[in-house]
Amino acid sequence: MRKSPLCLSVLLLTFLAGCVTINVYFPKAAAEKAADQFIGSVIGNDQQSEPADKSTKPASSDDDKSSSDDSHGQPLAARALNFLIPAAHAAGSTPNLRIHTPEVDAIHARMRQRYQQTMQKLLNEGLVGFTRDGLVAVRDPSAIPLARRATINSAVADDNRDRKALYQAIAEANGHPEWEARIRNIFAEIWISKAHAGWYVQTAGGAWKQK
């Protein structure tokens, strides 16, 4: 008994669908955007952002029409796979990154308040800087007057405690505790990139440099 082309297409589609593996990839772009927004709302921006590029235009209806017409003439199985595989890839490779939780919001409030009351002054004075691993550190303990050491060390310890809790909370809120290190690395890069002029940051080799 001969099978019709439609039946063969359905069988092929079923087989190939079973071979599609949906992997959950780390959403780097979403993490970078979240870090930029979080850090910007804590320390503000050193410079005004450039205006958006207005030259970019949305795709026209003609473009949409031409893309939809590309499927004409394709076999049923091919058209179905074109729909199935990108959908599976999108579902697995670009998961949403959850950033606003009660714990994260509480950390944000503490860090913002600490920045306004203590950390901004220490950063402006050059006594404290952003490290390459997403924390803050005293650059030269011997340069701090004895009368201020306890206060500064306490502020640095409190800020680092919140920073570590932040990276862990974001990873756990998204159901992937194993993302903590990658989230921390991205935040470290954004802290340094958004540091204000005159502040100190660590290089990849661990040396301090002034922006």
N, C-alpha and C. Protein backbone atom coordinates (compact mmCIF):
# COMPACT_ATOMS: atom_id res chain seq x y z
N MET A 1 0.85 -1.20 0.00
CA MET A 1 0.00 0.00 0.00
C MET A 1 0.88 1.25 0.00
N ARG A 2 0.65 2.12 -0.97
CA ARG A 2 1.46 3.32 -1.06
C ARG A 2 0.90 4.40 -0.15
N LYS A 3 1.82 5.11 0.51
CA LYS A 3 1.39 6.22 1.37
C LYS A 3 1.39 7.51 0.58
N SER A 4 0.42 8.34 0.86
CA SER A 4 0.31 9.61 0.14
C SER A 4 1.43 10.56 0.57
N PRO A 5 1.76 11.54 -0.28
CA PRO A 5 2.77 12.54 0.09
C PRO A 5 2.43 13.26 1.38
N LEU A 6 1.13 13.47 1.65
CA LEU A 6 0.73 14.15 2.87
C LEU A 6 1.09 13.32 4.09
N CYS A 7 0.83 12.02 4.02
CA CYS A 7 1.16 11.14 5.15
C CYS A 7 2.66 11.10 5.39
N LEU A 8 3.42 11.03 4.31
CA LEU A 8 4.88 11.01 4.45
C LEU A 8 5.38 12.31 5.08
N SER A 9 4.75 13.42 4.70
CA SER A 9 5.15 14.71 5.26
C SER A 9 4.87 14.76 6.75
N VAL A 10 3.70 14.23 7.15
CA VAL A 10 3.34 14.23 8.56
C VAL A 10 4.29 13.36 9.36
N LEU A 11 4.63 12.18 8.81
CA LEU A 11 5.57 11.29 9.50
C LEU A 11 6.93 11.93 9.64
N LEU A 12 7.40 12.59 8.58
CA LEU A 12 8.70 13.25 8.63
C LEU A 12 8.70 14.38 9.63
N LEU A 13 7.60 15.12 9.64
CA LEU A 13 7.50 16.23 10.57
C LEU A 13 7.51 15.74 12.01
N THR A 14 6.80 14.67 12.28
CA THR A 14 6.76 14.10 13.63
C THR A 14 8.14 13.64 14.07
N PHE A 15 8.86 13.01 13.16
CA PHE A 15 10.21 12.53 13.50
C PHE A 15 11.15 13.69 13.80
N LEU A 16 11.13 14.70 12.92
CA LEU A 16 12.04 15.83 13.10
C LEU A 16 11.68 16.66 14.32
N ALA A 17 10.39 16.76 14.62
CA ALA A 17 9.97 17.51 15.82
C ALA A 17 10.52 16.88 17.07
N GLY A 18 10.58 15.55 17.07
CA GLY A 18 11.13 14.86 18.23
C GLY A 18 12.61 15.08 18.39
N CYS A 19 13.28 15.49 17.31
CA CYS A 19 14.72 15.74 17.36
C CYS A 19 15.05 17.16 17.78
N VAL A 20 14.05 18.04 17.84
CA VAL A 20 14.30 19.43 18.21
C VAL A 20 14.52 19.51 19.71
N THR A 21 15.69 19.93 20.12
CA THR A 21 16.01 20.06 21.54
C THR A 21 15.94 21.52 21.94
N ILE A 22 15.15 21.79 22.94
CA ILE A 22 15.00 23.15 23.41
C ILE A 22 15.94 23.37 24.58
N ASN A 23 16.99 24.17 24.36
CA ASN A 23 17.95 24.47 25.39
C ASN A 23 17.69 25.85 25.96
N VAL A 24 17.89 25.99 27.26
CA VAL A 24 17.72 27.28 27.90
C VAL A 24 19.07 27.97 27.94
N TYR A 25 19.21 29.01 27.16
CA TYR A 25 20.46 29.75 27.09
C TYR A 25 20.40 30.94 28.04
N PHE A 26 21.56 31.33 28.54
CA PHE A 26 21.62 32.50 29.42
C PHE A 26 21.26 33.75 28.64
N PRO A 27 20.28 34.53 29.09
CA PRO A 27 19.82 35.72 28.36
C PRO A 27 20.75 36.90 28.60
N LYS A 28 21.88 36.92 27.94
CA LYS A 28 22.90 37.94 28.18
C LYS A 28 22.38 39.35 27.92
N ALA A 29 21.69 39.53 26.80
CA ALA A 29 21.19 40.87 26.46
C ALA A 29 20.22 41.37 27.51
N ALA A 30 19.33 40.50 27.99
CA ALA A 30 18.38 40.89 29.01
C ALA A 30 19.10 41.21 30.32
N ALA A 31 20.14 40.44 30.64
CA ALA A 31 20.90 40.69 31.86
C ALA A 31 21.64 42.02 31.78
N GLU A 32 22.19 42.33 30.62
CA GLU A 32 22.90 43.60 30.46
C GLU A 32 21.94 44.78 30.59
N LYS A 33 20.75 44.64 30.04
CA LYS A 33 19.76 45.71 30.14
C LYS A 33 19.31 45.89 31.58
N ALA A 34 19.09 44.77 32.28
CA ALA A 34 18.68 44.84 33.68
C ALA A 34 19.76 45.49 34.54
N ALA A 35 21.01 45.11 34.30
CA ALA A 35 22.12 45.67 35.07
C ALA A 35 22.25 47.17 34.81
N ASP A 36 22.12 47.56 33.55
CA ASP A 36 22.23 48.97 33.20
C ASP A 36 21.15 49.80 33.90
N GLN A 37 19.93 49.28 33.92
CA GLN A 37 18.83 50.01 34.55
C GLN A 37 19.00 50.05 36.06
N PHE A 38 19.38 48.92 36.66
CA PHE A 38 19.53 48.86 38.12
C PHE A 38 20.64 49.82 38.57
N ILE A 39 21.81 49.71 37.93
CA ILE A 39 22.95 50.52 38.34
C ILE A 39 22.71 52.00 38.06
N GLY A 40 22.10 52.28 36.91
CA GLY A 40 21.80 53.67 36.58
C GLY A 40 20.88 54.31 37.60
N SER A 41 19.94 53.55 38.14
CA SER A 41 19.00 54.10 39.12
C SER A 41 19.62 54.20 40.51
N VAL A 42 20.77 53.54 40.72
CA VAL A 42 21.46 53.65 42.01
C VAL A 42 22.44 54.81 42.00
N ILE A 43 23.30 54.89 40.98
CA ILE A 43 24.36 55.90 40.97
C ILE A 43 24.11 57.00 39.95
N GLY A 44 23.08 56.88 39.13
CA GLY A 44 22.84 57.88 38.11
C GLY A 44 23.82 57.75 36.97
N ASN A 45 23.67 58.60 35.98
CA ASN A 45 24.55 58.58 34.81
C ASN A 45 25.52 59.74 34.87
N ASP A 46 26.77 59.45 34.50
CA ASP A 46 27.79 60.50 34.51
C ASP A 46 27.60 61.47 33.36
N GLN A 47 27.11 60.94 32.22
CA GLN A 47 26.87 61.76 31.04
C GLN A 47 25.48 61.47 30.51
N GLN A 48 24.92 62.47 29.86
CA GLN A 48 23.61 62.28 29.27
C GLN A 48 23.73 61.30 28.10
N SER A 49 22.75 60.43 28.01
CA SER A 49 22.77 59.45 26.92
C SER A 49 22.52 60.14 25.59
N GLU A 50 23.08 59.57 24.55
CA GLU A 50 22.90 60.13 23.23
C GLU A 50 21.47 59.92 22.77
N PRO A 51 20.95 60.86 21.97
CA PRO A 51 19.57 60.70 21.48
C PRO A 51 19.44 59.45 20.63
N ALA A 52 18.28 58.90 20.66
CA ALA A 52 18.03 57.68 19.89
C ALA A 52 18.17 57.96 18.41
N ASP A 53 18.62 56.97 17.68
CA ASP A 53 18.78 57.09 16.23
C ASP A 53 17.42 56.99 15.57
N LYS A 54 17.01 58.10 14.99
CA LYS A 54 15.68 58.15 14.37
C LYS A 54 15.70 57.65 12.93
N SER A 55 16.90 57.28 12.46
CA SER A 55 16.98 56.84 11.07
C SER A 55 16.46 55.44 10.87
N THR A 56 16.36 54.69 11.97
CA THR A 56 15.88 53.31 11.86
C THR A 56 14.38 53.31 11.66
N LYS A 57 13.92 52.68 10.63
CA LYS A 57 12.50 52.66 10.32
C LYS A 57 11.97 51.24 10.49
N PRO A 58 10.73 51.14 10.96
CA PRO A 58 10.13 49.81 11.07
C PRO A 58 9.92 49.22 9.70
N ALA A 59 9.88 47.93 9.66
CA ALA A 59 9.68 47.25 8.38
C ALA A 59 8.34 47.66 7.79
N SER A 60 8.33 47.88 6.50
CA SER A 60 7.09 48.31 5.84
C SER A 60 6.20 47.11 5.60
N SER A 61 4.98 47.42 5.24
CA SER A 61 4.03 46.34 4.97
C SER A 61 4.48 45.53 3.76
N ASP A 62 5.20 46.20 2.82
CA ASP A 62 5.70 45.48 1.66
C ASP A 62 6.74 44.45 2.08
N ASP A 63 7.60 44.81 3.05
CA ASP A 63 8.59 43.88 3.54
C ASP A 63 7.93 42.69 4.20
N ASP A 64 6.89 42.99 4.99
CA ASP A 64 6.17 41.91 5.65
C ASP A 64 5.54 40.99 4.63
N LYS A 65 4.99 41.62 3.56
CA LYS A 65 4.32 40.82 2.55
C LYS A 65 5.31 39.92 1.82
N SER A 66 6.50 40.50 1.49
CA SER A 66 7.47 39.71 0.76
C SER A 66 7.99 38.55 1.59
N SER A 67 8.15 38.77 2.91
CA SER A 67 8.63 37.70 3.75
C SER A 67 7.60 36.60 3.89
N SER A 68 6.32 36.99 3.93
CA SER A 68 5.29 35.97 4.05
C SER A 68 5.13 35.20 2.75
N ASP A 69 5.47 35.88 1.62
CA ASP A 69 5.33 35.21 0.34
C ASP A 69 6.43 34.19 0.10
N ASP A 70 7.53 34.25 0.91
CA ASP A 70 8.63 33.34 0.70
C ASP A 70 8.24 31.89 0.91
N SER A 71 7.18 31.65 1.68
CA SER A 71 6.78 30.28 2.00
C SER A 71 6.00 29.63 0.86
N HIS A 72 5.52 30.45 -0.08
CA HIS A 72 4.74 29.88 -1.17
C HIS A 72 5.61 28.96 -2.02
N GLY A 73 5.08 27.84 -2.36
CA GLY A 73 5.79 26.89 -3.19
C GLY A 73 6.61 25.88 -2.41
N GLN A 74 6.71 26.06 -1.06
CA GLN A 74 7.45 25.10 -0.25
C GLN A 74 6.56 23.92 0.11
N PRO A 75 7.14 22.73 0.26
CA PRO A 75 6.36 21.58 0.70
C PRO A 75 5.78 21.83 2.08
N LEU A 76 4.72 21.10 2.39
CA LEU A 76 4.04 21.25 3.67
C LEU A 76 5.00 21.01 4.83
N ALA A 77 5.81 19.95 4.77
CA ALA A 77 6.72 19.64 5.87
C ALA A 77 7.74 20.74 6.08
N ALA A 78 8.24 21.32 4.99
CA ALA A 78 9.24 22.37 5.10
C ALA A 78 8.64 23.61 5.74
N ARG A 79 7.40 23.96 5.33
CA ARG A 79 6.76 25.13 5.91
C ARG A 79 6.50 24.93 7.39
N ALA A 80 6.09 23.73 7.76
CA ALA A 80 5.82 23.45 9.17
C ALA A 80 7.09 23.50 10.00
N LEU A 81 8.19 22.98 9.46
CA LEU A 81 9.45 23.01 10.20
C LEU A 81 9.97 24.43 10.33
N ASN A 82 9.76 25.25 9.32
CA ASN A 82 10.17 26.64 9.41
C ASN A 82 9.46 27.35 10.56
N PHE A 83 8.26 26.92 10.84
CA PHE A 83 7.51 27.48 11.97
C PHE A 83 7.95 26.87 13.29
N LEU A 84 8.17 25.58 13.29
CA LEU A 84 8.44 24.86 14.53
C LEU A 84 9.80 25.19 15.11
N ILE A 85 10.85 25.12 14.30
CA ILE A 85 12.20 25.26 14.83
C ILE A 85 12.49 26.67 15.35
N PRO A 86 12.17 27.75 14.61
CA PRO A 86 12.40 29.07 15.19
C PRO A 86 11.61 29.28 16.47
N ALA A 87 10.38 28.77 16.53
CA ALA A 87 9.59 28.94 17.74
C ALA A 87 10.22 28.23 18.92
N ALA A 88 10.72 27.03 18.69
CA ALA A 88 11.37 26.29 19.76
C ALA A 88 12.64 26.98 20.19
N HIS A 89 13.40 27.48 19.21
CA HIS A 89 14.65 28.17 19.53
C HIS A 89 14.38 29.44 20.34
N ALA A 90 13.33 30.19 19.92
CA ALA A 90 13.02 31.42 20.64
C ALA A 90 12.57 31.14 22.05
N ALA A 91 11.80 30.08 22.22
CA ALA A 91 11.30 29.76 23.55
C ALA A 91 12.43 29.35 24.47
N GLY A 92 13.45 28.70 23.91
CA GLY A 92 14.52 28.22 24.77
C GLY A 92 15.68 29.17 24.91
N SER A 93 15.97 29.96 23.86
CA SER A 93 17.19 30.75 23.89
C SER A 93 17.01 32.14 24.47
N THR A 94 15.79 32.65 24.54
CA THR A 94 15.60 34.00 25.04
C THR A 94 14.55 34.03 26.15
N PRO A 95 14.81 33.37 27.27
CA PRO A 95 13.85 33.43 28.37
C PRO A 95 13.83 34.82 28.98
N ASN A 96 12.72 35.18 29.56
CA ASN A 96 12.62 36.47 30.22
C ASN A 96 13.48 36.47 31.47
N LEU A 97 14.06 37.62 31.78
CA LEU A 97 14.85 37.75 33.00
C LEU A 97 14.05 38.53 34.02
N ARG A 98 13.69 37.86 35.10
CA ARG A 98 12.91 38.50 36.14
C ARG A 98 13.84 39.32 37.04
N ILE A 99 13.56 40.59 37.19
CA ILE A 99 14.45 41.48 37.94
C ILE A 99 13.75 42.13 39.12
N HIS A 100 12.45 42.35 39.02
CA HIS A 100 11.75 43.03 40.11
C HIS A 100 11.08 42.01 41.03
N THR A 101 11.68 41.81 42.18
CA THR A 101 11.12 40.97 43.23
C THR A 101 11.22 41.76 44.52
N PRO A 102 10.46 41.40 45.55
CA PRO A 102 10.56 42.13 46.82
C PRO A 102 11.99 42.16 47.35
N GLU A 103 12.72 41.06 47.21
CA GLU A 103 14.09 41.02 47.72
C GLU A 103 15.01 41.95 46.92
N VAL A 104 14.91 41.90 45.60
CA VAL A 104 15.75 42.76 44.77
C VAL A 104 15.41 44.22 44.99
N ASP A 105 14.12 44.54 45.10
CA ASP A 105 13.71 45.92 45.33
C ASP A 105 14.22 46.43 46.68
N ALA A 106 14.22 45.57 47.68
CA ALA A 106 14.73 45.97 49.00
C ALA A 106 16.23 46.23 48.94
N ILE A 107 16.95 45.39 48.21
CA ILE A 107 18.40 45.60 48.05
C ILE A 107 18.65 46.92 47.32
N HIS A 108 17.87 47.16 46.28
CA HIS A 108 18.02 48.41 45.53
C HIS A 108 17.82 49.62 46.44
N ALA A 109 16.80 49.59 47.27
CA ALA A 109 16.52 50.72 48.15
C ALA A 109 17.67 50.96 49.13
N ARG A 110 18.23 49.89 49.66
CA ARG A 110 19.35 50.04 50.60
C ARG A 110 20.59 50.60 49.91
N MET A 111 20.87 50.08 48.72
CA MET A 111 22.06 50.53 48.00
C MET A 111 21.92 51.99 47.56
N ARG A 112 20.74 52.37 47.14
CA ARG A 112 20.49 53.75 46.73
C ARG A 112 20.67 54.69 47.91
N GLN A 113 20.11 54.32 49.04
CA GLN A 113 20.24 55.17 50.24
C GLN A 113 21.69 55.25 50.71
N ARG A 114 22.38 54.11 50.69
CA ARG A 114 23.78 54.09 51.12
C ARG A 114 24.65 54.92 50.18
N TYR A 115 24.34 54.85 48.89
CA TYR A 115 25.09 55.65 47.92
C TYR A 115 24.94 57.13 48.22
N GLN A 116 23.74 57.56 48.45
CA GLN A 116 23.48 58.98 48.70
C GLN A 116 24.10 59.45 50.01
N GLN A 117 24.11 58.59 51.01
CA GLN A 117 24.59 58.99 52.32
C GLN A 117 26.10 58.83 52.50
N THR A 118 26.67 57.81 51.85
CA THR A 118 28.08 57.48 52.14
C THR A 118 28.92 57.18 50.91
N MET A 119 28.46 56.24 50.07
CA MET A 119 29.31 55.71 49.01
C MET A 119 29.69 56.75 47.96
N GLN A 120 28.79 57.66 47.63
CA GLN A 120 29.10 58.66 46.62
C GLN A 120 30.29 59.52 47.04
N LYS A 121 30.30 59.92 48.29
CA LYS A 121 31.41 60.73 48.81
C LYS A 121 32.72 59.95 48.77
N LEU A 122 32.67 58.66 49.16
CA LEU A 122 33.88 57.84 49.16
C LEU A 122 34.40 57.62 47.75
N LEU A 123 33.50 57.44 46.79
CA LEU A 123 33.90 57.27 45.39
C LEU A 123 34.48 58.56 44.83
N ASN A 124 33.86 59.68 45.16
CA ASN A 124 34.36 60.97 44.69
C ASN A 124 35.73 61.28 45.26
N GLU A 125 35.97 60.86 46.49
CA GLU A 125 37.26 61.10 47.14
C GLU A 125 38.34 60.14 46.64
N GLY A 126 37.94 59.09 45.96
CA GLY A 126 38.90 58.12 45.47
C GLY A 126 39.35 57.13 46.51
N LEU A 127 38.67 57.10 47.63
CA LEU A 127 39.04 56.16 48.70
C LEU A 127 38.54 54.76 48.40
N VAL A 128 37.45 54.68 47.65
CA VAL A 128 36.81 53.41 47.32
C VAL A 128 36.65 53.33 45.80
N GLY A 129 36.72 52.13 45.28
CA GLY A 129 36.53 51.96 43.84
C GLY A 129 35.75 50.69 43.52
N PHE A 130 35.35 50.57 42.26
CA PHE A 130 34.64 49.38 41.79
C PHE A 130 35.65 48.31 41.40
N THR A 131 35.45 47.10 41.89
CA THR A 131 36.37 46.02 41.58
C THR A 131 35.94 45.30 40.31
N ARG A 132 36.82 44.46 39.80
CA ARG A 132 36.56 43.72 38.57
C ARG A 132 35.56 42.59 38.77
N ASP A 133 35.22 42.28 40.04
CA ASP A 133 34.29 41.18 40.31
C ASP A 133 32.95 41.65 40.86
N GLY A 134 32.58 42.90 40.56
CA GLY A 134 31.25 43.38 40.91
C GLY A 134 31.08 43.86 42.34
N LEU A 135 32.19 44.12 43.02
CA LEU A 135 32.12 44.59 44.40
C LEU A 135 32.74 45.98 44.50
N VAL A 136 32.86 46.49 45.72
CA VAL A 136 33.60 47.73 45.99
C VAL A 136 34.71 47.39 46.97
N ALA A 137 35.76 48.19 46.95
CA ALA A 137 36.89 47.92 47.84
C ALA A 137 37.60 49.22 48.18
N VAL A 138 38.23 49.24 49.35
CA VAL A 138 39.07 50.36 49.74
C VAL A 138 40.36 50.26 48.94
N ARG A 139 40.74 51.32 48.25
CA ARG A 139 41.92 51.26 47.39
C ARG A 139 43.22 51.18 48.20
N ASP A 140 43.33 52.03 49.20
CA ASP A 140 44.56 52.07 50.00
C ASP A 140 44.18 52.31 51.46
N PRO A 141 44.05 51.25 52.24
CA PRO A 141 43.64 51.40 53.65
C PRO A 141 44.53 52.36 54.43
N SER A 142 45.80 52.41 54.10
CA SER A 142 46.72 53.28 54.85
C SER A 142 46.47 54.76 54.58
N ALA A 143 45.74 55.06 53.48
CA ALA A 143 45.47 56.46 53.16
C ALA A 143 44.25 57.00 53.89
N ILE A 144 43.52 56.13 54.58
CA ILE A 144 42.30 56.54 55.29
C ILE A 144 42.66 56.93 56.72
N PRO A 145 42.25 58.11 57.15
CA PRO A 145 42.51 58.51 58.53
C PRO A 145 41.91 57.51 59.52
N LEU A 146 42.58 57.27 60.60
CA LEU A 146 42.15 56.29 61.58
C LEU A 146 40.72 56.54 62.05
N ALA A 147 40.36 57.80 62.19
CA ALA A 147 39.03 58.15 62.71
C ALA A 147 37.92 57.74 61.75
N ARG A 148 38.22 57.54 60.45
CA ARG A 148 37.20 57.22 59.47
C ARG A 148 37.21 55.74 59.07
N ARG A 149 38.20 55.01 59.46
CA ARG A 149 38.35 53.64 58.98
C ARG A 149 37.16 52.75 59.33
N ALA A 150 36.70 52.83 60.54
CA ALA A 150 35.60 51.95 60.96
C ALA A 150 34.35 52.24 60.14
N THR A 151 34.03 53.52 59.93
CA THR A 151 32.84 53.91 59.18
C THR A 151 32.94 53.47 57.72
N ILE A 152 34.11 53.70 57.13
CA ILE A 152 34.29 53.34 55.72
C ILE A 152 34.28 51.84 55.52
N ASN A 153 34.98 51.12 56.38
CA ASN A 153 35.00 49.66 56.27
C ASN A 153 33.61 49.06 56.44
N SER A 154 32.82 49.65 57.34
CA SER A 154 31.46 49.18 57.56
C SER A 154 30.59 49.42 56.32
N ALA A 155 30.72 50.60 55.71
CA ALA A 155 29.93 50.92 54.52
C ALA A 155 30.30 49.99 53.37
N VAL A 156 31.58 49.73 53.19
CA VAL A 156 32.04 48.83 52.12
C VAL A 156 31.52 47.42 52.35
N ALA A 157 31.61 46.94 53.60
CA ALA A 157 31.13 45.59 53.92
C ALA A 157 29.63 45.47 53.68
N ASP A 158 28.86 46.50 54.07
CA ASP A 158 27.41 46.47 53.87
C ASP A 158 27.06 46.48 52.38
N ASP A 159 27.78 47.30 51.61
CA ASP A 159 27.50 47.37 50.18
C ASP A 159 27.84 46.06 49.49
N ASN A 160 28.94 45.46 49.86
CA ASN A 160 29.31 44.18 49.25
C ASN A 160 28.35 43.07 49.65
N ARG A 161 27.83 43.13 50.85
CA ARG A 161 26.85 42.13 51.27
C ARG A 161 25.59 42.23 50.40
N ASP A 162 25.17 43.45 50.12
CA ASP A 162 23.99 43.64 49.26
C ASP A 162 24.29 43.27 47.81
N ARG A 163 25.48 43.55 47.35
CA ARG A 163 25.84 43.21 45.98
C ARG A 163 25.80 41.69 45.77
N LYS A 164 26.41 40.95 46.68
CA LYS A 164 26.41 39.49 46.56
C LYS A 164 24.98 38.95 46.64
N ALA A 165 24.19 39.51 47.54
CA ALA A 165 22.80 39.07 47.68
C ALA A 165 22.01 39.39 46.41
N LEU A 166 22.33 40.51 45.77
CA LEU A 166 21.63 40.91 44.55
C LEU A 166 21.84 39.90 43.44
N TYR A 167 23.08 39.52 43.18
CA TYR A 167 23.38 38.60 42.09
C TYR A 167 22.73 37.24 42.34
N GLN A 168 22.76 36.82 43.58
CA GLN A 168 22.14 35.53 43.92
C GLN A 168 20.62 35.61 43.80
N ALA A 169 20.04 36.71 44.25
CA ALA A 169 18.58 36.86 44.21
C ALA A 169 18.06 36.87 42.78
N ILE A 170 18.77 37.54 41.87
CA ILE A 170 18.32 37.58 40.48
C ILE A 170 18.39 36.19 39.85
N ALA A 171 19.47 35.48 40.11
CA ALA A 171 19.61 34.12 39.56
C ALA A 171 18.51 33.21 40.08
N GLU A 172 18.26 33.26 41.37
CA GLU A 172 17.25 32.38 41.97
C GLU A 172 15.84 32.78 41.54
N ALA A 173 15.59 34.07 41.37
CA ALA A 173 14.27 34.53 40.95
C ALA A 173 13.92 34.01 39.56
N ASN A 174 14.94 33.73 38.76
CA ASN A 174 14.73 33.23 37.41
C ASN A 174 14.85 31.72 37.32
N GLY A 175 14.94 31.06 38.48
CA GLY A 175 14.97 29.61 38.50
C GLY A 175 16.27 28.99 38.05
N HIS A 176 17.35 29.79 38.01
CA HIS A 176 18.66 29.28 37.57
C HIS A 176 19.75 29.78 38.51
N PRO A 177 19.90 29.16 39.67
CA PRO A 177 20.96 29.58 40.59
C PRO A 177 22.35 29.53 39.96
N GLU A 178 22.51 28.66 38.96
CA GLU A 178 23.82 28.53 38.31
C GLU A 178 24.17 29.76 37.47
N TRP A 179 23.22 30.66 37.26
CA TRP A 179 23.50 31.89 36.52
C TRP A 179 24.17 32.96 37.38
N GLU A 180 24.30 32.73 38.67
CA GLU A 180 24.78 33.78 39.56
C GLU A 180 26.13 34.36 39.11
N ALA A 181 27.07 33.50 38.78
CA ALA A 181 28.40 33.98 38.39
C ALA A 181 28.34 34.83 37.12
N ARG A 182 27.52 34.43 36.17
CA ARG A 182 27.42 35.18 34.92
C ARG A 182 26.73 36.51 35.14
N ILE A 183 25.71 36.52 35.98
CA ILE A 183 25.03 37.77 36.31
C ILE A 183 26.00 38.71 37.02
N ARG A 184 26.77 38.16 37.92
CA ARG A 184 27.76 38.96 38.64
C ARG A 184 28.79 39.56 37.68
N ASN A 185 29.25 38.78 36.72
CA ASN A 185 30.24 39.28 35.75
C ASN A 185 29.67 40.42 34.91
N ILE A 186 28.42 40.28 34.51
CA ILE A 186 27.79 41.33 33.70
C ILE A 186 27.62 42.60 34.52
N PHE A 187 27.16 42.44 35.77
CA PHE A 187 27.02 43.61 36.64
C PHE A 187 28.38 44.27 36.86
N ALA A 188 29.42 43.47 37.03
CA ALA A 188 30.76 44.02 37.24
C ALA A 188 31.16 44.91 36.07
N GLU A 189 30.90 44.45 34.85
CA GLU A 189 31.23 45.24 33.66
C GLU A 189 30.43 46.54 33.61
N ILE A 190 29.16 46.46 33.98
CA ILE A 190 28.31 47.65 33.90
C ILE A 190 28.66 48.65 35.01
N TRP A 191 28.96 48.14 36.22
CA TRP A 191 29.39 49.06 37.29
C TRP A 191 30.58 49.88 36.82
N ILE A 192 31.55 49.22 36.21
CA ILE A 192 32.76 49.90 35.77
C ILE A 192 32.47 50.83 34.60
N SER A 193 31.65 50.39 33.66
CA SER A 193 31.36 51.23 32.49
C SER A 193 30.57 52.48 32.88
N LYS A 194 29.76 52.40 33.93
CA LYS A 194 28.94 53.53 34.34
C LYS A 194 29.58 54.35 35.46
N ALA A 195 30.79 53.98 35.87
CA ALA A 195 31.49 54.76 36.90
C ALA A 195 31.68 56.19 36.41
N HIS A 196 31.53 57.14 37.31
CA HIS A 196 31.64 58.54 36.94
C HIS A 196 33.10 58.93 36.71
N ALA A 197 33.30 60.00 35.98
CA ALA A 197 34.65 60.50 35.73
C ALA A 197 35.33 60.83 37.06
N GLY A 198 36.57 60.37 37.20
CA GLY A 198 37.33 60.61 38.42
C GLY A 198 37.27 59.46 39.41
N TRP A 199 36.31 58.56 39.23
CA TRP A 199 36.23 57.40 40.12
C TRP A 199 37.30 56.38 39.74
N TYR A 200 37.59 55.49 40.69
CA TYR A 200 38.58 54.45 40.45
C TYR A 200 37.88 53.11 40.18
N VAL A 201 38.43 52.40 39.21
CA VAL A 201 37.91 51.07 38.86
C VAL A 201 39.10 50.13 38.67
N GLN A 202 38.83 48.85 38.82
CA GLN A 202 39.88 47.86 38.63
C GLN A 202 39.93 47.40 37.18
N THR A 203 41.14 47.19 36.69
CA THR A 203 41.33 46.62 35.38
C THR A 203 41.19 45.10 35.48
N ALA A 204 41.22 44.43 34.33
CA ALA A 204 41.12 42.97 34.33
C ALA A 204 42.28 42.34 35.09
N GLY A 205 43.42 43.03 35.13
CA GLY A 205 44.57 42.51 35.85
C GLY A 205 44.58 42.82 37.32
N GLY A 206 43.59 43.60 37.79
CA GLY A 206 43.48 43.91 39.21
C GLY A 206 44.08 45.23 39.61
N ALA A 207 44.66 45.97 38.67
CA ALA A 207 45.23 47.28 39.00
C ALA A 207 44.12 48.35 39.03
N TRP A 208 44.36 49.39 39.82
CA TRP A 208 43.41 50.48 39.89
C TRP A 208 43.72 51.53 38.84
N LYS A 209 42.69 52.06 38.22
CA LYS A 209 42.87 53.19 37.30
C LYS A 209 41.72 54.17 37.50
N GLN A 210 41.98 55.42 37.21
CA GLN A 210 40.99 56.47 37.39
C GLN A 210 40.31 56.76 36.06
N LYS A 211 39.00 56.83 36.07
CA LYS A 211 38.28 57.12 34.83
C LYS A 211 38.35 58.61 34.52
